[in-house]
């Protein structure tokens, strides 16, 4: 049965579409057996502006993943993103109705439904209901209440809402590419799945996913999501600054950013500062020399500004991030981003590479923060399929634990 499981993660971003094909291994890892990548068209800040262009980008990325894996891809888990997402912490309380006051699955579901009963703006919907903890008769910190005794069950839930049109249009574009949507998962939640450990989530950390036009923040603590925020900026700001400052095209600015960009001048030695890059200004045929120091002077203030916005949001929540800040997404890969973030957040900072204990196969090919969302989507899909298939021959305790994991997945 496990051999039949195929997990597909499809990360549809503003600049790139990435597809990962995975299958379970004997040691519990996910072996990556196929990867595909294509330029993304038809998206702006996570919102579909041309369904046909998105479909074509998806087809190209999926086609490449099919060639590498030798498999036909019929469905995929897809990322959810958008600048209007909003996260809130809510609580719900219910009376335990079961015989002997034993808490049942129905009681837990009623408690979460109670917490989710909130007014929404027209055209908005709930995307994720992520249980944080349960309180039974005043005793807090409980994560798996099923089977416990009590008269009053309270549930603390992190709820993420947003406009439903964005989700519907992205789903239609994926279906137009000939794929079924297995499930949709919040982008930072998928990145966390592949790059965070259980200890990171337990002791508290801030995951910052920096995309091309959108940056998302998700704060974890006590093993659950505590806060979600989305910012309408990303690495495209660097590209535009370079294009304006050097009078070059956006395409040229993007190449300069990727090949020579640095956002921390203190990492450059004297020789590197004076090193000259040849650039071609717009409308000119002749090249012009540019020192790397000037390029860094353009990029560094923008990096500090963007990270300060995120750090202020993190400080506002008063969250404890003992495990520090984890940067994922393509925008996190600019040289010096980690060092600048460490100064701005005043917390230990690292890039969100794939956790080696979770992945095998072609994992070395995608060992990069820009693949964290696609790999997290595939890993989450694989885990969900395994849990759905493993129902027989288990002890009651094991069944309860697995039911609760399935239950948490259901509300993501």
Protein backbone atom coordinates (compact mmCIF):
# COMPACT_ATOMS: atom_id res chain seq x y z
CA UNK A 1 0.00 0.00 0.00
CA UNK A 2 2.81 2.40 0.93
CA UNK A 3 4.49 1.72 -2.41
CA UNK A 4 1.37 3.00 -4.19
CA UNK A 5 1.55 6.42 -2.52
CA UNK A 6 2.68 9.28 -4.74
CA UNK A 7 2.89 12.75 -3.22
CA UNK A 8 2.95 15.80 -5.49
CA UNK A 9 3.72 19.32 -4.28
CA UNK A 10 2.99 22.22 -6.65
CA UNK A 11 4.29 25.64 -5.59
CA UNK A 12 2.80 28.30 -7.87
CA UNK A 13 4.71 31.49 -7.19
CA UNK A 14 4.80 34.89 -8.88
CA UNK A 15 8.20 34.29 -10.49
CA UNK A 16 8.54 30.46 -10.60
CA UNK A 17 6.35 27.35 -10.59
CA UNK A 18 7.99 24.37 -8.88
CA UNK A 19 6.78 20.78 -8.79
CA UNK A 20 8.11 17.99 -6.53
CA UNK A 21 7.21 14.29 -6.77
CA UNK A 22 7.80 12.17 -3.69
CA UNK A 23 7.17 8.65 -2.44
CA UNK A 24 7.61 7.11 1.02
CA UNK A 25 10.75 5.14 1.86
CA UNK A 26 11.14 2.30 4.33
CA UNK A 27 12.80 4.54 6.93
CA UNK A 28 9.93 7.04 7.03
CA UNK A 29 11.58 9.63 4.80
CA UNK A 30 10.10 10.97 1.59
CA UNK A 31 12.23 10.07 -1.41
CA UNK A 32 12.09 12.83 -3.98
CA UNK A 33 11.85 11.10 -7.37
CA UNK A 34 10.93 14.01 -9.64
CA UNK A 35 11.38 17.79 -9.81
CA UNK A 36 10.27 20.40 -12.33
CA UNK A 37 10.53 24.16 -12.62
CA UNK A 38 9.20 26.79 -15.02
CA UNK A 39 8.94 30.56 -15.31
CA UNK A 40 5.66 31.74 -13.82
CA UNK A 41 3.29 33.94 -15.80
CA UNK A 42 -0.19 35.25 -15.03
CA UNK A 43 0.18 35.91 -11.30
CA UNK A 44 0.53 39.15 -9.37
CA UNK A 45 1.03 39.11 -5.60
CA UNK A 46 -0.32 35.58 -5.45
CA UNK A 47 -3.52 36.45 -7.36
CA UNK A 48 -4.34 35.00 -10.79
CA UNK A 49 -4.41 37.68 -13.50
CA UNK A 50 -4.40 35.27 -16.47
CA UNK A 51 -5.70 31.74 -15.92
CA UNK A 52 -4.35 30.48 -19.26
CA UNK A 53 -0.84 31.80 -18.55
CA UNK A 54 -0.84 30.15 -15.10
CA UNK A 55 -2.06 26.87 -16.62
CA UNK A 56 0.72 26.92 -19.21
CA UNK A 57 3.37 27.54 -16.52
CA UNK A 58 1.96 24.67 -14.45
CA UNK A 59 1.96 22.36 -17.47
CA UNK A 60 5.64 23.08 -18.16
CA UNK A 61 6.75 22.51 -14.54
CA UNK A 62 4.65 19.36 -14.15
CA UNK A 63 5.80 18.05 -17.55
CA UNK A 64 9.44 18.35 -16.47
CA UNK A 65 8.68 16.57 -13.16
CA UNK A 66 6.93 13.78 -15.10
CA UNK A 67 9.97 13.31 -17.35
CA UNK A 68 12.34 13.09 -14.39
CA UNK A 69 10.13 10.74 -12.32
CA UNK A 70 8.68 8.67 -15.17
CA UNK A 71 5.22 9.04 -13.59
CA UNK A 72 1.95 10.50 -14.83
CA UNK A 73 0.85 13.28 -12.48
CA UNK A 74 -2.91 13.47 -12.07
CA UNK A 75 -3.34 15.57 -8.91
CA UNK A 76 -1.28 17.77 -6.61
CA UNK A 77 -1.23 19.65 -3.32
CA UNK A 78 -1.09 23.38 -4.13
CA UNK A 79 0.09 26.40 -2.15
CA UNK A 80 -2.27 29.16 -1.03
CA UNK A 81 -0.94 32.72 -0.92
CA UNK A 82 -2.24 36.25 -1.18
CA UNK A 83 -1.62 39.66 0.35
CA UNK A 84 -5.05 39.85 2.02
CA UNK A 85 -4.73 36.78 4.28
CA UNK A 86 -5.44 37.47 7.93
CA UNK A 87 -4.69 35.30 10.97
CA UNK A 88 -6.62 35.50 14.26
CA UNK A 89 -6.62 33.53 17.50
CA UNK A 90 -10.09 32.48 18.66
CA UNK A 91 -11.49 30.26 21.37
CA UNK A 92 -14.59 28.08 21.60
CA UNK A 93 -16.24 26.36 24.57
CA UNK A 94 -18.61 23.38 24.63
CA UNK A 95 -20.10 21.13 27.30
CA UNK A 96 -18.95 17.51 27.09
CA UNK A 97 -22.02 15.50 26.19
CA UNK A 98 -20.71 11.92 26.12
CA UNK A 99 -21.50 9.14 28.58
CA UNK A 100 -19.31 9.35 31.65
CA UNK A 101 -18.20 12.82 30.53
CA UNK A 102 -15.59 11.29 28.23
CA UNK A 103 -14.44 13.65 25.49
CA UNK A 104 -15.16 12.32 22.00
CA UNK A 105 -14.13 13.29 18.50
CA UNK A 106 -17.50 15.02 18.10
CA UNK A 107 -16.86 17.17 21.18
CA UNK A 108 -13.51 18.31 19.77
CA UNK A 109 -15.05 19.11 16.42
CA UNK A 110 -17.86 21.07 18.09
CA UNK A 111 -15.29 23.07 20.10
CA UNK A 112 -13.36 23.98 16.94
CA UNK A 113 -16.59 24.87 15.14
CA UNK A 114 -17.50 27.08 18.10
CA UNK A 115 -14.16 28.90 17.83
CA UNK A 116 -14.65 29.28 14.09
CA UNK A 117 -18.05 30.97 14.39
CA UNK A 118 -16.93 34.45 13.41
CA UNK A 119 -18.35 37.13 11.09
CA UNK A 120 -16.52 37.37 7.76
CA UNK A 121 -16.51 40.15 5.14
CA UNK A 122 -18.56 39.35 2.01
CA UNK A 123 -16.65 37.00 -0.31
CA UNK A 124 -14.25 35.83 2.42
CA UNK A 125 -13.80 32.32 3.78
CA UNK A 126 -11.81 30.39 6.36
CA UNK A 127 -8.73 28.77 4.79
CA UNK A 128 -7.20 27.09 7.84
CA UNK A 129 -8.31 26.22 11.36
CA UNK A 130 -5.19 25.24 13.28
CA UNK A 131 -5.80 24.00 16.86
CA UNK A 132 -3.30 25.44 19.34
CA UNK A 133 -4.32 23.76 22.56
CA UNK A 134 -7.32 22.44 24.50
CA UNK A 135 -8.42 23.28 28.03
CA UNK A 136 -10.38 20.64 29.97
CA UNK A 137 -12.10 21.90 33.13
CA UNK A 138 -9.55 24.69 33.46
CA UNK A 139 -6.50 22.48 32.83
CA UNK A 140 -4.62 23.94 29.86
CA UNK A 141 -1.81 22.79 27.58
CA UNK A 142 -3.64 19.67 26.36
CA UNK A 143 -3.02 18.67 22.73
CA UNK A 144 -5.01 15.42 22.45
CA UNK A 145 -8.18 15.57 24.59
CA UNK A 146 -10.03 12.60 23.01
CA UNK A 147 -10.65 9.95 25.68
CA UNK A 148 -10.09 12.31 28.62
CA UNK A 149 -12.78 12.99 31.21
CA UNK A 150 -14.23 16.43 31.83
CA UNK A 151 -17.38 18.52 31.78
CA UNK A 152 -16.13 21.61 29.91
CA UNK A 153 -13.93 21.61 26.80
CA UNK A 154 -12.34 24.81 25.54
CA UNK A 155 -10.32 25.04 22.33
CA UNK A 156 -7.85 27.74 21.25
CA UNK A 157 -7.61 27.90 17.45
CA UNK A 158 -5.59 29.96 15.00
CA UNK A 159 -7.87 30.84 12.09
CA UNK A 160 -6.63 32.16 8.74
CA UNK A 161 -9.17 33.90 6.50
CA UNK A 162 -9.04 35.59 3.11
CA UNK A 163 -10.97 36.30 -0.11
CA UNK A 164 -12.38 33.11 -1.61
CA UNK A 165 -12.07 34.34 -5.23
CA UNK A 166 -8.27 34.05 -5.12
CA UNK A 167 -8.43 30.39 -4.08
CA UNK A 168 -11.15 29.56 -6.60
CA UNK A 169 -9.32 31.16 -9.53
CA UNK A 170 -6.05 29.40 -8.70
CA UNK A 171 -7.88 26.09 -8.39
CA UNK A 172 -9.53 26.64 -11.79
CA UNK A 173 -6.18 27.45 -13.39
CA UNK A 174 -4.66 24.21 -12.03
CA UNK A 175 -7.63 22.16 -13.25
CA UNK A 176 -7.28 23.85 -16.63
CA UNK A 177 -3.75 22.43 -16.75
CA UNK A 178 -5.27 18.93 -16.46
CA UNK A 179 -4.64 18.37 -12.73
CA UNK A 180 -6.95 17.73 -9.81
CA UNK A 181 -6.30 19.75 -6.65
CA UNK A 182 -5.81 17.25 -3.83
CA UNK A 183 -5.72 20.00 -1.21
CA UNK A 184 -4.60 23.59 -0.77
CA UNK A 185 -2.21 24.57 2.01
CA UNK A 186 -1.02 27.93 3.28
CA UNK A 187 2.39 28.77 1.80
CA UNK A 188 4.26 29.44 5.09
CA UNK A 189 2.70 26.33 6.64
CA UNK A 190 4.07 24.23 3.77
CA UNK A 191 7.51 25.83 4.13
CA UNK A 192 7.44 25.03 7.86
CA UNK A 193 6.59 21.39 7.11
CA UNK A 194 9.85 20.85 5.23
CA UNK A 195 12.28 23.12 7.08
CA UNK A 196 11.29 23.19 10.77
CA UNK A 197 11.80 20.55 13.44
CA UNK A 198 9.34 19.73 16.21
CA UNK A 199 11.68 21.51 18.64
CA UNK A 200 11.60 24.68 16.53
CA UNK A 201 7.80 24.72 16.74
CA UNK A 202 7.74 23.82 20.43
CA UNK A 203 10.23 26.39 21.70
CA UNK A 204 9.12 29.16 19.38
CA UNK A 205 10.37 30.49 16.04
CA UNK A 206 9.43 32.90 13.27
CA UNK A 207 9.32 31.53 9.73
CA UNK A 208 9.66 34.25 7.08
CA UNK A 209 8.89 33.16 3.50
CA UNK A 210 10.20 35.81 1.10
CA UNK A 211 8.74 35.47 -2.37
CA UNK A 212 8.95 37.71 -5.42
CA UNK A 213 6.08 40.04 -4.51
CA UNK A 214 4.75 38.68 -1.21
CA UNK A 215 6.40 37.92 2.12
CA UNK A 216 4.59 35.84 4.72
CA UNK A 217 5.33 35.51 8.42
CA UNK A 218 4.24 32.59 10.58
CA UNK A 219 5.15 32.43 14.26
CA UNK A 220 5.19 29.08 16.06
CA UNK A 221 5.15 28.35 19.77
CA UNK A 222 4.15 25.43 22.01
CA UNK A 223 4.03 23.23 18.91
CA UNK A 224 1.37 25.25 17.09
CA UNK A 225 0.88 28.34 14.91
CA UNK A 226 0.47 31.45 17.06
CA UNK A 227 0.43 34.24 14.48
CA UNK A 228 0.19 34.76 10.70
CA UNK A 229 0.82 37.93 8.69
CA UNK A 230 1.35 38.73 5.00
CA UNK A 231 3.24 41.73 3.58
CA UNK A 232 2.84 43.09 0.03
CA UNK A 233 6.56 43.18 -0.78
CA UNK A 234 9.32 40.78 -1.76
CA UNK A 235 12.54 40.36 -3.70
CA UNK A 236 11.09 42.21 -6.71
CA UNK A 237 11.73 45.42 -4.77
CA UNK A 238 15.48 44.76 -5.10
CA UNK A 239 15.10 44.27 -8.85
CA UNK A 240 13.16 47.51 -9.29
CA UNK A 241 15.66 49.47 -7.17
CA UNK A 242 18.55 48.17 -9.28
CA UNK A 243 16.70 48.95 -12.53
CA UNK A 244 15.98 52.52 -11.38
CA UNK A 245 19.39 53.16 -9.85
CA UNK A 246 21.47 51.80 -12.73
CA UNK A 247 19.11 52.69 -15.60
CA UNK A 248 18.91 49.09 -16.79
CA UNK A 249 15.98 46.89 -17.86
CA UNK A 250 14.12 44.74 -15.34
CA UNK A 251 15.54 41.60 -16.99
CA UNK A 252 19.10 42.95 -16.73
CA UNK A 253 18.49 44.08 -13.13
CA UNK A 254 17.28 40.59 -12.23
CA UNK A 255 20.45 39.01 -13.63
CA UNK A 256 22.65 41.51 -11.78
CA UNK A 257 20.78 40.78 -8.54
CA UNK A 258 21.17 37.01 -8.84
CA UNK A 259 24.81 36.97 -9.96
CA UNK A 260 26.36 39.83 -7.99
CA UNK A 261 23.82 40.98 -5.38
CA UNK A 262 24.85 41.45 -1.74
CA UNK A 263 22.82 43.18 0.99
CA UNK A 264 25.54 43.32 3.68
CA UNK A 265 28.51 45.52 2.85
CA UNK A 266 30.49 44.26 5.87
CA UNK A 267 30.77 40.83 4.18
CA UNK A 268 32.75 42.28 1.26
CA UNK A 269 36.52 42.67 1.37
CA UNK A 270 38.32 45.65 -0.18
CA UNK A 271 39.10 43.80 -3.39
CA UNK A 272 35.48 42.75 -3.86
CA UNK A 273 34.18 46.27 -3.19
CA UNK A 274 36.27 47.60 -6.06
CA UNK A 275 35.45 44.74 -8.42
CA UNK A 276 33.76 46.07 -11.57
CA UNK A 277 30.61 44.62 -13.19
CA UNK A 278 29.85 45.35 -16.86
CA UNK A 279 26.24 46.54 -17.34
CA UNK A 280 24.24 47.67 -20.39
CA UNK A 281 21.99 50.70 -19.69
CA UNK A 282 18.57 50.83 -21.38
CA UNK A 283 18.75 52.17 -24.94
CA UNK A 284 22.55 51.91 -25.12
CA UNK A 285 24.77 49.46 -26.97
CA UNK A 286 27.98 50.14 -25.08
CA UNK A 287 28.64 48.71 -21.62
CA UNK A 288 29.36 50.69 -18.49
CA UNK A 289 31.39 49.70 -15.42
CA UNK A 290 29.78 49.41 -11.98
CA UNK A 291 31.55 48.58 -8.71
CA UNK A 292 30.03 45.91 -6.46
CA UNK A 293 30.09 48.41 -3.61
CA UNK A 294 27.60 50.68 -5.39
CA UNK A 295 25.32 47.70 -6.08
CA UNK A 296 25.42 46.78 -2.38
CA UNK A 297 24.66 50.42 -1.45
CA UNK A 298 21.46 50.13 -3.53
CA UNK A 299 20.33 46.78 -2.10
CA UNK A 300 21.26 47.01 1.59
CA UNK A 301 18.87 49.84 2.67
CA UNK A 302 15.97 48.02 1.02
CA UNK A 303 16.82 44.74 2.79
CA UNK A 304 16.95 46.53 6.15
CA UNK A 305 13.63 48.28 5.46
CA UNK A 306 11.77 45.10 4.45
CA UNK A 307 13.09 43.09 7.40
CA UNK A 308 12.29 45.89 9.84
CA UNK A 309 8.61 45.72 8.82
CA UNK A 310 8.57 42.00 9.60
CA UNK A 311 10.53 42.40 12.84
CA UNK A 312 8.09 45.07 14.06
CA UNK A 313 5.18 42.71 13.43
CA UNK A 314 7.00 39.95 15.32
CA UNK A 315 7.75 42.27 18.26
CA UNK A 316 4.12 43.41 18.35
CA UNK A 317 2.97 39.84 19.05
CA UNK A 318 5.40 39.62 22.03
CA UNK A 319 6.11 36.05 20.97
CA UNK A 320 9.08 34.13 22.34
CA UNK A 321 11.21 32.95 19.39
CA UNK A 322 13.90 31.00 21.23
CA UNK A 323 14.68 28.94 18.10
CA UNK A 324 15.15 32.15 16.13
CA UNK A 325 14.17 33.24 12.63
CA UNK A 326 14.10 30.89 9.63
CA UNK A 327 14.20 32.47 6.16
CA UNK A 328 12.68 30.55 3.23
CA UNK A 329 11.68 31.42 -0.34
CA UNK A 330 13.78 32.62 -3.25
CA UNK A 331 14.08 36.15 -1.82
CA UNK A 332 15.96 34.85 1.22
CA UNK A 333 18.95 33.75 -0.87
CA UNK A 334 20.50 37.17 -1.48
CA UNK A 335 23.99 37.16 0.01
CA UNK A 336 23.99 38.73 3.47
CA UNK A 337 20.24 38.36 4.07
CA UNK A 338 20.77 36.09 7.08
CA UNK A 339 23.36 38.43 8.65
CA UNK A 340 21.15 41.52 8.20
CA UNK A 341 18.09 39.66 9.56
CA UNK A 342 20.09 38.57 12.61
CA UNK A 343 20.85 42.21 13.38
CA UNK A 344 17.33 43.49 12.68
CA UNK A 345 15.51 40.75 14.64
CA UNK A 346 18.22 40.51 17.31
CA UNK A 347 17.69 36.74 17.21
CA UNK A 348 19.55 33.72 15.77
CA UNK A 349 18.74 33.45 12.06
CA UNK A 350 19.29 30.74 9.45
CA UNK A 351 18.18 29.81 5.96
CA UNK A 352 15.38 27.22 5.83
CA UNK A 353 17.02 24.29 4.08
CA UNK A 354 15.19 20.96 3.86
CA UNK A 355 15.44 18.93 7.08
CA UNK A 356 17.66 15.98 6.11
CA UNK A 357 15.79 13.53 8.36
CA UNK A 358 12.62 14.09 6.31
CA UNK A 359 13.94 13.71 2.75
CA UNK A 360 15.91 11.31 0.56
CA UNK A 361 16.26 10.54 -3.16
CA UNK A 362 16.91 13.71 -5.17
CA UNK A 363 16.84 15.89 -2.04
CA UNK A 364 20.35 17.15 -2.83
CA UNK A 365 19.03 18.69 -6.05
CA UNK A 366 16.50 20.84 -4.18
CA UNK A 367 18.46 21.57 -0.98
CA UNK A 368 17.58 25.25 -1.15
CA UNK A 369 15.14 27.63 0.63
CA UNK A 370 13.37 28.33 -2.68
CA UNK A 371 12.17 24.69 -2.80
CA UNK A 372 10.90 24.59 0.80
CA UNK A 373 7.22 25.23 -0.10
CA UNK A 374 7.02 22.64 -2.90
CA UNK A 375 8.79 20.00 -0.79
CA UNK A 376 6.62 20.80 2.23
CA UNK A 377 3.45 20.37 0.16
CA UNK A 378 4.61 16.96 -1.08
CA UNK A 379 5.74 15.84 2.41
CA UNK A 380 2.43 16.88 3.97
CA UNK A 381 0.53 15.03 1.23
CA UNK A 382 2.57 11.86 1.77
CA UNK A 383 2.03 11.93 5.54
CA UNK A 384 -1.70 12.45 5.10
CA UNK A 385 -1.98 9.51 2.66
CA UNK A 386 -0.01 7.22 4.99
CA UNK A 387 -2.21 8.12 7.98
CA UNK A 388 -5.38 7.63 5.93
CA UNK A 389 -4.21 4.14 4.88
CA UNK A 390 -2.98 2.90 8.28
CA UNK A 391 -6.14 2.11 10.20
CA UNK A 392 -6.03 -1.61 11.01
CA UNK A 393 -4.12 -3.46 13.70
CA UNK A 394 -3.48 -0.51 15.98
CA UNK A 395 -3.80 -0.14 19.74
CA UNK A 396 -6.59 2.23 20.93
CA UNK A 397 -3.97 4.78 22.04
CA UNK A 398 -2.26 4.67 18.65
CA UNK A 399 -5.61 5.03 16.90
CA UNK A 400 -6.46 8.10 18.96
CA UNK A 401 -3.07 9.67 18.22
CA UNK A 402 -3.41 9.01 14.49
CA UNK A 403 -7.00 10.22 14.46
CA UNK A 404 -5.89 13.49 16.02
CA UNK A 405 -3.15 13.95 13.41
CA UNK A 406 -5.70 13.32 10.66
CA UNK A 407 -8.03 15.71 12.40
CA UNK A 408 -5.41 18.48 12.47
CA UNK A 409 -4.74 17.89 8.77
CA UNK A 410 -8.44 18.19 7.99
CA UNK A 411 -8.56 21.74 9.30
CA UNK A 412 -5.43 22.95 7.50
